[in-house]
Amino acid sequence: MITMPKSLVAVLAALFCLVTTTCQRQTETTSSQPTVALVLKTLNNPFFIDMQKGAQQAAGQAGVRLTVQAAEREVDVEKQMQIIENLIQSKVSALCVTPSGSREIVPAIVKANRAGIPVVILDTRVHLQTLQEAGGKVSSFIGSDNFEGGRLAGEFILKKLGGSGKVAVLEGIPGHETGDSRLKGFHTAVDTHPGIRVVASQTANWERDQGYNVFQNILQSHPQVQALFACSDLMALGAVEAIGAAGKTGKISVVGFDAFSEAREAVLKGTMDATIAQSPADMGRLAIENVALLLRGEKVPEEISVKIELITKENVAGK
């Protein structure tokens, strides 16, 4: 049996108490923090990864625990609904959601309302009439003006083509507010110019591989197409690959939407002419900051706008 000096025993005992007390305090602090759930459309898109990063950076300063969940595909509305249902049952303190379906999300919002869980919507607006008819409420919408972004894209293509030419469009998910708004803004810019002819407008469901396949088919049907507006960068990059496979790199002007890193590189290289930036990291940050205010009983704006701008080869390096 080893006998330790009384002084050493006292020091070890004090150290044990200090460590135990510190761990208890850390546990109490962590457990006392509200849990905020960020439910994204997918984490297979750099746009939403940037949004997650913005939220994560803000969570520590805001004093909340952040959990992030998403379906594998943006089109998987049912999976997103299931995720939200589970989070409501687990009694999270607040929900921040980028809806995969503007109408489909409404029943989940109503359930969150009944559970006393505040809901903040990001990027894609909820269909207002459907929400009102269901008696649902969201605390705030945080996003950019998709209509304005589409209009900027349309004006850029008009200028690029000199007001005359054949144009194709890759749409988002039909009936999806984000893509629909971008499409409307684009048509607002180009439809009043008789020299511009939209020869094809088809959905590629926000996905890169579909962007490739759909635009490949468009090129076969309309080999003289001169410009493309894709409602997302993933679809635009898929189309860029189809253009390359057809030996037409540099011959078709491509404009995307989202301005994530690979799209910016494509603009810099010249395989894309432009993309629309809408700051997803800022959306994530603002969502957490405003949820923290809500959880403290403070009011937040019903709508928070995030800047939107056209990114071209002339300004991409500085953005």
Protein backbone atom coordinates (compact mmCIF):
# COMPACT_ATOMS: atom_id res chain seq x y z
CA MET A 1 0.00 0.00 0.00
CA ILE A 2 1.36 3.39 -1.02
CA THR A 3 0.87 6.26 1.40
CA MET A 4 0.73 9.78 -0.09
CA PRO A 5 1.65 12.90 1.90
CA LYS A 6 -1.36 14.75 3.32
CA SER A 7 -0.41 17.88 1.38
CA LEU A 8 -0.55 15.99 -1.94
CA VAL A 9 -3.90 14.43 -1.02
CA ALA A 10 -5.28 17.90 -0.31
CA VAL A 11 -4.04 19.25 -3.64
CA LEU A 12 -5.52 16.33 -5.59
CA ALA A 13 -8.83 16.67 -3.74
CA ALA A 14 -8.98 20.36 -4.55
CA LEU A 15 -8.11 19.69 -8.18
CA PHE A 16 -10.84 17.04 -8.43
CA CYS A 17 -13.40 19.45 -7.03
CA LEU A 18 -12.31 22.15 -9.44
CA VAL A 19 -12.55 19.86 -12.50
CA THR A 20 -15.89 18.43 -11.35
CA THR A 21 -17.35 21.88 -10.75
CA THR A 22 -16.09 23.15 -14.11
CA CYS A 23 -17.59 20.17 -15.97
CA GLN A 24 -20.88 20.64 -14.14
CA ARG A 25 -20.96 24.31 -15.08
CA GLN A 26 -20.19 23.49 -18.72
CA THR A 27 -22.95 20.86 -18.75
CA GLU A 28 -25.40 23.28 -17.16
CA THR A 29 -24.48 26.02 -19.67
CA THR A 30 -24.87 23.68 -22.64
CA SER A 31 -28.14 22.21 -21.42
CA SER A 32 -29.57 25.65 -20.71
CA GLN A 33 -28.96 26.84 -24.27
CA PRO A 34 -31.99 26.75 -26.57
CA THR A 35 -31.78 24.36 -29.53
CA VAL A 36 -32.36 25.91 -32.94
CA ALA A 37 -32.92 23.63 -35.94
CA LEU A 38 -31.84 24.72 -39.40
CA VAL A 39 -33.66 22.60 -41.99
CA LEU A 40 -32.22 23.02 -45.46
CA LYS A 41 -33.42 21.71 -48.82
CA THR A 42 -30.20 19.74 -49.24
CA LEU A 43 -26.54 19.75 -48.29
CA ASN A 44 -25.53 18.61 -51.78
CA ASN A 45 -25.58 22.20 -53.03
CA PRO A 46 -22.80 24.70 -52.19
CA PHE A 47 -25.41 27.42 -51.75
CA PHE A 48 -26.91 25.67 -48.73
CA ILE A 49 -23.50 24.67 -47.39
CA ASP A 50 -22.62 28.38 -47.30
CA MET A 51 -25.91 29.06 -45.53
CA GLN A 52 -25.05 26.41 -42.93
CA LYS A 53 -21.61 27.95 -42.37
CA GLY A 54 -23.13 31.38 -41.77
CA ALA A 55 -25.56 29.90 -39.24
CA GLN A 56 -22.84 27.94 -37.46
CA GLN A 57 -20.63 30.99 -37.10
CA ALA A 58 -23.49 32.98 -35.59
CA ALA A 59 -24.74 30.25 -33.21
CA GLY A 60 -21.90 30.54 -30.70
CA GLN A 61 -22.23 34.30 -30.34
CA ALA A 62 -26.01 34.04 -30.15
CA GLY A 63 -25.82 31.48 -27.33
CA VAL A 64 -27.82 28.75 -29.05
CA ARG A 65 -27.17 25.14 -29.94
CA LEU A 66 -27.57 24.57 -33.65
CA THR A 67 -28.67 21.35 -35.30
CA VAL A 68 -28.67 21.17 -39.10
CA GLN A 69 -30.65 18.64 -41.11
CA ALA A 70 -31.59 18.24 -44.77
CA ALA A 71 -32.92 15.80 -47.33
CA GLU A 72 -30.50 14.40 -49.90
CA ARG A 73 -32.35 16.02 -52.83
CA GLU A 74 -34.01 19.40 -53.14
CA VAL A 75 -37.07 17.81 -54.71
CA ASP A 76 -37.70 15.51 -51.72
CA VAL A 77 -40.50 17.49 -50.10
CA GLU A 78 -41.80 14.51 -48.11
CA LYS A 79 -38.40 13.89 -46.50
CA GLN A 80 -38.14 17.52 -45.44
CA MET A 81 -41.62 17.36 -43.91
CA GLN A 82 -40.62 14.23 -41.99
CA ILE A 83 -37.49 15.97 -40.67
CA ILE A 84 -39.54 18.93 -39.44
CA GLU A 85 -42.14 16.65 -37.81
CA ASN A 86 -39.38 14.87 -35.88
CA LEU A 87 -37.85 18.14 -34.75
CA ILE A 88 -41.20 19.39 -33.50
CA GLN A 89 -41.65 16.16 -31.53
CA SER A 90 -38.18 16.56 -30.04
CA LYS A 91 -39.27 20.02 -28.86
CA VAL A 92 -36.62 22.21 -30.45
CA SER A 93 -36.79 25.85 -29.37
CA ALA A 94 -37.06 27.30 -32.90
CA LEU A 95 -37.10 26.30 -36.56
CA CYS A 96 -35.30 27.95 -39.48
CA VAL A 97 -36.39 26.41 -42.79
CA THR A 98 -35.64 26.73 -46.49
CA PRO A 99 -38.86 25.17 -47.84
CA SER A 100 -38.62 22.52 -50.55
CA GLY A 101 -42.26 23.25 -51.33
CA SER A 102 -43.86 26.67 -50.84
CA ARG A 103 -47.32 25.18 -50.26
CA GLU A 104 -46.32 21.77 -48.91
CA ILE A 105 -44.48 23.35 -45.96
CA VAL A 106 -47.64 24.97 -44.57
CA PRO A 107 -48.98 22.02 -42.46
CA ALA A 108 -45.57 21.74 -40.76
CA ILE A 109 -45.60 25.45 -39.97
CA VAL A 110 -49.08 25.13 -38.43
CA LYS A 111 -47.89 22.22 -36.25
CA ALA A 112 -44.90 24.26 -35.09
CA ASN A 113 -47.21 27.18 -34.30
CA ARG A 114 -49.42 24.92 -32.16
CA ALA A 115 -46.33 23.64 -30.34
CA GLY A 116 -45.24 27.19 -29.58
CA ILE A 117 -42.13 26.90 -31.77
CA PRO A 118 -41.28 30.06 -33.73
CA VAL A 119 -40.57 29.57 -37.44
CA VAL A 120 -38.21 31.65 -39.58
CA ILE A 121 -38.23 31.04 -43.34
CA LEU A 122 -35.13 31.48 -45.49
CA ASP A 123 -34.56 31.92 -49.23
CA THR A 124 -37.88 30.51 -50.51
CA ARG A 125 -41.13 32.21 -49.56
CA VAL A 126 -44.11 30.29 -48.23
CA HIS A 127 -47.24 30.58 -50.39
CA LEU A 128 -49.03 33.36 -48.54
CA GLN A 129 -52.63 32.48 -49.41
CA THR A 130 -52.16 28.83 -48.42
CA LEU A 131 -50.53 29.90 -45.14
CA GLN A 132 -53.32 32.35 -44.31
CA GLU A 133 -56.08 29.86 -45.13
CA ALA A 134 -54.45 27.33 -42.80
CA GLY A 135 -54.13 29.90 -40.02
CA GLY A 136 -50.34 29.57 -39.96
CA LYS A 137 -47.74 32.18 -39.14
CA VAL A 138 -44.04 32.69 -39.72
CA SER A 139 -42.03 35.08 -37.57
CA SER A 140 -39.82 36.37 -40.37
CA PHE A 141 -38.70 35.79 -43.95
CA ILE A 142 -35.00 36.25 -44.74
CA GLY A 143 -33.95 36.22 -48.36
CA SER A 144 -33.06 38.05 -51.52
CA ASP A 145 -35.31 39.34 -54.28
CA ASN A 146 -35.39 36.44 -56.73
CA PHE A 147 -37.54 38.39 -59.17
CA GLU A 148 -34.94 41.17 -59.29
CA GLY A 149 -32.18 38.61 -59.79
CA GLY A 150 -33.99 37.12 -62.77
CA ARG A 151 -34.51 40.59 -64.20
CA LEU A 152 -30.78 41.36 -63.88
CA ALA A 153 -29.97 38.11 -65.69
CA GLY A 154 -32.40 38.96 -68.48
CA GLU A 155 -30.98 42.46 -68.92
CA PHE A 156 -27.45 41.05 -69.08
CA ILE A 157 -28.41 38.61 -71.84
CA LEU A 158 -30.21 41.37 -73.74
CA LYS A 159 -27.06 43.47 -73.69
CA LYS A 160 -24.84 40.49 -74.54
CA LEU A 161 -26.92 39.64 -77.61
CA GLY A 162 -27.47 43.22 -78.65
CA GLY A 163 -31.23 42.87 -78.22
CA SER A 164 -31.63 40.04 -80.74
CA GLY A 165 -31.04 36.29 -80.55
CA LYS A 166 -32.24 32.82 -79.59
CA VAL A 167 -32.33 32.05 -75.87
CA ALA A 168 -32.96 28.90 -73.80
CA VAL A 169 -33.98 28.65 -70.15
CA LEU A 170 -33.39 25.95 -67.53
CA GLU A 171 -36.13 26.29 -64.94
CA GLY A 172 -36.24 25.16 -61.34
CA ILE A 173 -38.92 22.91 -59.86
CA PRO A 174 -42.33 23.80 -61.36
CA GLY A 175 -44.51 25.64 -58.84
CA HIS A 176 -41.50 26.37 -56.62
CA GLU A 177 -41.53 30.02 -55.54
CA THR A 178 -37.80 30.59 -55.91
CA GLY A 179 -37.53 29.37 -59.48
CA ASP A 180 -40.87 30.87 -60.50
CA SER A 181 -39.82 34.33 -59.27
CA ARG A 182 -36.48 34.14 -61.09
CA LEU A 183 -38.26 33.07 -64.25
CA LYS A 184 -40.80 35.90 -64.03
CA GLY A 185 -38.07 38.47 -63.50
CA PHE A 186 -36.18 37.14 -66.52
CA HIS A 187 -39.26 37.31 -68.75
CA THR A 188 -40.03 40.82 -67.53
CA ALA A 189 -36.68 41.89 -68.96
CA VAL A 190 -36.71 40.01 -72.27
CA ASP A 191 -40.35 39.64 -73.33
CA THR A 192 -40.73 43.28 -74.41
CA HIS A 193 -37.91 42.88 -76.94
CA PRO A 194 -39.23 41.29 -80.16
CA GLY A 195 -35.71 40.43 -81.27
CA ILE A 196 -35.29 37.98 -78.40
CA ARG A 197 -36.83 34.56 -78.95
CA VAL A 198 -37.02 32.01 -76.12
CA VAL A 199 -36.76 28.79 -78.12
CA ALA A 200 -36.85 26.36 -75.17
CA SER A 201 -37.73 26.58 -71.47
CA GLN A 202 -37.53 23.33 -69.52
CA THR A 203 -37.04 22.25 -65.92
CA ALA A 204 -33.83 20.61 -64.75
CA ASN A 205 -35.03 20.43 -61.11
CA TRP A 206 -32.05 22.38 -59.70
CA GLU A 207 -29.70 19.46 -60.43
CA ARG A 208 -26.40 19.42 -62.31
CA ASP A 209 -26.83 16.11 -64.09
CA GLN A 210 -30.29 17.13 -65.27
CA GLY A 211 -28.87 20.46 -66.40
CA TYR A 212 -26.44 18.52 -68.59
CA ASN A 213 -29.04 16.14 -70.02
CA VAL A 214 -31.77 18.70 -70.61
CA PHE A 215 -29.48 21.23 -72.25
CA GLN A 216 -27.88 18.53 -74.37
CA ASN A 217 -31.36 17.78 -75.74
CA ILE A 218 -32.04 21.49 -76.25
CA LEU A 219 -28.82 21.83 -78.26
CA GLN A 220 -29.90 18.97 -80.50
CA SER A 221 -33.32 20.55 -81.10
CA HIS A 222 -32.05 24.14 -81.30
CA PRO A 223 -28.41 24.11 -82.43
CA GLN A 224 -28.50 27.86 -83.11
CA VAL A 225 -29.22 28.85 -79.50
CA GLN A 226 -27.01 31.78 -78.48
CA ALA A 227 -27.66 32.22 -74.77
CA LEU A 228 -28.89 30.33 -71.72
CA PHE A 229 -30.38 31.51 -68.45
CA ALA A 230 -30.28 28.78 -65.80
CA CYS A 231 -32.26 29.44 -62.62
CA SER A 232 -29.42 27.94 -60.54
CA ASP A 233 -25.66 27.56 -60.90
CA LEU A 234 -25.78 23.77 -60.61
CA MET A 235 -27.99 23.58 -63.68
CA ALA A 236 -25.81 26.18 -65.41
CA LEU A 237 -22.65 24.17 -64.75
CA GLY A 238 -24.34 21.04 -66.09
CA ALA A 239 -25.21 23.00 -69.22
CA VAL A 240 -21.60 24.23 -69.50
CA GLU A 241 -20.50 20.58 -69.62
CA ALA A 242 -23.06 19.87 -72.35
CA ILE A 243 -21.80 22.89 -74.31
CA GLY A 244 -18.25 21.61 -73.98
CA ALA A 245 -19.27 18.12 -75.13
CA ALA A 246 -20.89 19.68 -78.20
CA GLY A 247 -17.71 21.63 -79.01
CA LYS A 248 -19.45 24.98 -78.49
CA THR A 249 -17.53 26.40 -75.53
CA GLY A 250 -17.39 30.19 -75.85
CA LYS A 251 -20.16 30.26 -78.45
CA ILE A 252 -23.13 30.29 -76.05
CA SER A 253 -23.54 32.89 -73.32
CA VAL A 254 -24.45 31.24 -69.98
CA VAL A 255 -25.92 33.06 -66.99
CA GLY A 256 -26.55 31.22 -63.71
CA PHE A 257 -27.91 32.08 -60.29
CA ASP A 258 -26.35 31.67 -56.79
CA ALA A 259 -22.69 32.66 -57.37
CA PHE A 260 -21.11 29.87 -55.36
CA SER A 261 -17.37 29.27 -55.72
CA GLU A 262 -17.35 26.92 -58.73
CA ALA A 263 -19.66 29.21 -60.67
CA ARG A 264 -17.43 32.19 -59.90
CA GLU A 265 -14.44 30.21 -61.19
CA ALA A 266 -16.40 29.44 -64.36
CA VAL A 267 -17.13 33.15 -64.81
CA LEU A 268 -13.45 33.93 -64.31
CA LYS A 269 -12.46 31.29 -66.89
CA GLY A 270 -15.14 32.46 -69.32
CA THR A 271 -17.18 29.25 -69.53
CA MET A 272 -19.99 31.17 -67.82
CA ASP A 273 -20.63 34.84 -68.53
CA ALA A 274 -22.41 35.81 -65.33
CA THR A 275 -24.18 34.63 -62.20
CA ILE A 276 -26.42 36.28 -59.64
CA ALA A 277 -25.09 36.53 -56.07
CA GLN A 278 -27.44 36.49 -53.09
CA SER A 279 -25.21 35.91 -50.01
CA PRO A 280 -26.45 32.63 -48.46
CA ALA A 281 -23.97 32.90 -45.57
CA ASP A 282 -25.62 36.18 -44.60
CA MET A 283 -29.02 34.50 -44.70
CA GLY A 284 -27.83 31.81 -42.28
CA ARG A 285 -26.25 34.35 -39.96
CA LEU A 286 -29.30 36.62 -39.94
CA ALA A 287 -31.60 33.66 -39.29
CA ILE A 288 -29.73 32.69 -36.10
CA GLU A 289 -29.35 36.26 -34.89
CA ASN A 290 -33.06 36.96 -35.28
CA VAL A 291 -34.15 33.62 -33.80
CA ALA A 292 -32.07 34.46 -30.74
CA LEU A 293 -33.99 37.73 -30.42
CA LEU A 294 -37.31 35.89 -30.75
CA LEU A 295 -36.33 33.45 -28.00
CA ARG A 296 -35.60 36.41 -25.73
CA GLY A 297 -39.10 37.70 -26.35
CA GLU A 298 -38.06 40.51 -28.69
CA LYS A 299 -39.71 41.45 -31.96
CA VAL A 300 -38.01 40.96 -35.32
CA PRO A 301 -38.84 42.38 -38.77
CA GLU A 302 -41.38 40.39 -40.77
CA GLU A 303 -39.06 40.54 -43.76
CA ILE A 304 -35.28 40.94 -43.94
CA SER A 305 -33.73 41.53 -47.35
CA VAL A 306 -30.31 40.25 -48.35
CA LYS A 307 -28.49 42.07 -51.15
CA ILE A 308 -28.43 40.70 -54.67
CA GLU A 309 -26.03 41.56 -57.50
CA LEU A 310 -24.79 40.53 -60.92
CA ILE A 311 -21.35 38.89 -60.94
CA THR A 312 -19.38 39.11 -64.21
CA LYS A 313 -15.76 38.67 -65.24
CA GLU A 314 -15.22 42.37 -64.58
CA ASN A 315 -16.12 42.21 -60.88
CA VAL A 316 -15.82 38.53 -59.86
CA ALA A 317 -12.28 38.87 -58.50
CA GLY A 318 -13.34 41.52 -56.00
CA LYS A 319 -16.41 39.66 -54.70
